[in-house]
Amino acid sequence: AQAVYCGHQAKPGDFPYVVALGHSDYPQCGGAIINSNHVVTAAHCVDWISEEYFTVVAGAVEWDSPQAQRREIEKIEIHPDYYPGIENPSLIERCFLFLIQRIKRQEEILDADNDIAVLR
């Protein structure tokens, strides 16, 4: 699967703060790097799986690209007010993060209303 933005195929480097999240060889959701240790994603992407089966892929527009950087998640901590099927935030802490280029400031990305998870 290739990354697409507004109907156009994304090129490597177009969105350096975007990551893919998934298990084994299958991308499940997207996320955004918000600082050197965190990625933000939708809560429903992580409420059904444990850390050891989830992978974060960055630095490429294709899941199986040789340029892709793969990282494991160290810990998933679900927000106490998150309930499946209802838009609420989740928190994943202590994952990987590595920065390839400068990214958006944390406060710009965390301005979303609900349904978020943060990877560290």
Protein backbone atom coordinates (compact mmCIF):
# COMPACT_ATOMS: atom_id res chain seq x y z
CA ALA A 1 0.00 0.00 0.00
CA GLN A 2 1.25 3.45 -0.86
CA ALA A 3 0.64 6.71 0.97
CA VAL A 4 -1.86 9.02 -0.72
CA TYR A 5 -2.63 12.67 0.07
CA CYS A 6 -5.58 14.46 -1.59
CA GLY A 7 -5.67 11.84 -4.32
CA HIS A 8 -1.96 12.11 -5.14
CA GLN A 9 0.71 9.59 -4.24
CA ALA A 10 2.96 10.95 -1.49
CA LYS A 11 6.69 11.13 -2.18
CA PRO A 12 9.38 10.25 0.39
CA GLY A 13 10.00 13.29 2.58
CA ASP A 14 6.63 14.96 1.88
CA PHE A 15 5.35 14.25 5.40
CA PRO A 16 8.31 13.47 7.68
CA TYR A 17 6.17 13.54 10.83
CA VAL A 18 3.72 10.86 9.60
CA VAL A 19 4.07 7.20 10.65
CA ALA A 20 2.20 3.99 9.91
CA LEU A 21 1.02 1.74 12.74
CA GLY A 22 0.21 -1.93 12.42
CA HIS A 23 0.91 -5.53 13.27
CA SER A 24 3.19 -8.02 11.46
CA ASP A 25 3.21 -7.03 7.78
CA TYR A 26 -0.09 -5.15 7.74
CA PRO A 27 -0.53 -1.39 8.27
CA GLN A 28 -3.56 -0.64 10.44
CA CYS A 29 -3.57 3.12 11.16
CA GLY A 30 -1.57 6.29 10.75
CA GLY A 31 -0.03 8.55 13.34
CA ALA A 32 2.02 11.73 13.68
CA ILE A 33 5.35 12.26 15.45
CA ILE A 34 4.83 14.97 18.08
CA ASN A 35 8.23 14.93 19.81
CA SER A 36 11.30 12.72 20.18
CA ASN A 37 9.39 10.11 22.20
CA HIS A 38 5.75 10.32 21.16
CA VAL A 39 3.40 9.58 18.28
CA VAL A 40 -0.27 10.57 18.29
CA THR A 41 -2.94 8.33 16.71
CA ALA A 42 -6.61 7.41 17.06
CA ALA A 43 -7.44 5.57 20.29
CA HIS A 44 -9.41 2.85 18.53
CA CYS A 45 -6.20 1.89 16.70
CA VAL A 46 -4.59 0.58 19.89
CA ASP A 47 -7.36 -0.50 22.28
CA TRP A 48 -7.41 -4.08 20.99
CA ILE A 49 -3.74 -5.06 20.77
CA SER A 50 -0.80 -5.43 23.15
CA GLU A 51 2.56 -3.72 22.67
CA GLU A 52 4.53 -6.76 21.53
CA TYR A 53 2.32 -7.21 18.45
CA PHE A 54 2.30 -3.58 17.29
CA THR A 55 4.88 -1.86 15.07
CA VAL A 56 5.51 1.78 14.18
CA VAL A 57 6.97 2.50 10.73
CA ALA A 58 8.46 5.89 9.78
CA GLY A 59 10.63 7.41 7.07
CA ALA A 60 8.88 5.85 4.07
CA VAL A 61 5.64 6.03 2.11
CA GLU A 62 5.31 2.25 1.78
CA TRP A 63 5.01 -0.21 4.69
CA ASP A 64 7.56 -2.64 3.24
CA SER A 65 10.06 -0.06 1.95
CA PRO A 66 13.74 -0.79 2.65
CA GLN A 67 14.06 2.83 3.84
CA ALA A 68 11.36 2.35 6.50
CA GLN A 69 12.41 2.65 10.14
CA ARG A 70 10.55 0.12 12.31
CA ARG A 71 10.16 0.55 16.05
CA GLU A 72 8.39 -1.40 18.77
CA ILE A 73 6.08 0.12 21.36
CA GLU A 74 7.33 -0.20 24.92
CA LYS A 75 4.08 0.51 26.75
CA ILE A 76 0.41 1.17 26.01
CA GLU A 77 -1.51 3.11 28.63
CA ILE A 78 -5.18 3.63 27.83
CA HIS A 79 -6.71 6.89 29.03
CA PRO A 80 -9.07 6.21 31.98
CA ASP A 81 -11.96 7.98 30.22
CA TYR A 82 -11.65 6.05 26.95
CA TYR A 83 -14.46 3.66 26.10
CA PRO A 84 -14.47 1.68 22.82
CA GLY A 85 -16.89 3.14 20.33
CA ILE A 86 -16.92 6.54 22.02
CA GLU A 87 -14.54 9.33 20.99
CA ASN A 88 -12.09 9.73 23.87
CA PRO A 89 -8.30 9.97 24.15
CA SER A 90 -5.89 7.09 24.83
CA LEU A 91 -2.23 7.31 25.71
CA ILE A 92 0.60 5.05 24.59
CA GLU A 93 3.84 5.88 26.36
CA ARG A 94 7.48 4.92 26.01
CA CYS A 95 7.59 3.62 22.48
CA PHE A 96 10.39 4.53 20.21
CA LEU A 97 10.68 7.74 18.70
CA PHE A 98 13.34 8.98 16.48
CA LEU A 99 13.18 12.17 14.51
CA ILE A 100 14.26 12.37 10.93
CA GLN A 101 13.55 16.09 10.39
CA ARG A 102 12.04 18.97 12.32
CA ILE A 103 8.37 18.35 13.07
CA LYS A 104 5.38 20.42 14.16
CA ARG A 105 5.35 21.72 17.71
CA GLN A 106 3.50 19.53 20.18
CA GLU A 107 0.78 22.09 20.88
CA GLU A 108 -0.06 22.34 17.16
CA ILE A 109 -0.67 18.61 16.91
CA LEU A 110 -2.39 18.06 20.25
CA ASP A 111 -5.11 20.55 19.33
CA ALA A 112 -7.43 17.71 18.20
CA ASP A 113 -10.65 17.15 20.13
CA ASN A 114 -10.89 13.40 20.83
CA ASP A 115 -9.93 9.87 19.83
CA ILE A 116 -6.18 10.16 20.26
CA ALA A 117 -3.42 7.95 21.53
CA VAL A 118 0.19 8.95 22.14
CA LEU A 119 3.08 6.54 21.57
CA ARG A 120 6.35 6.84 23.38
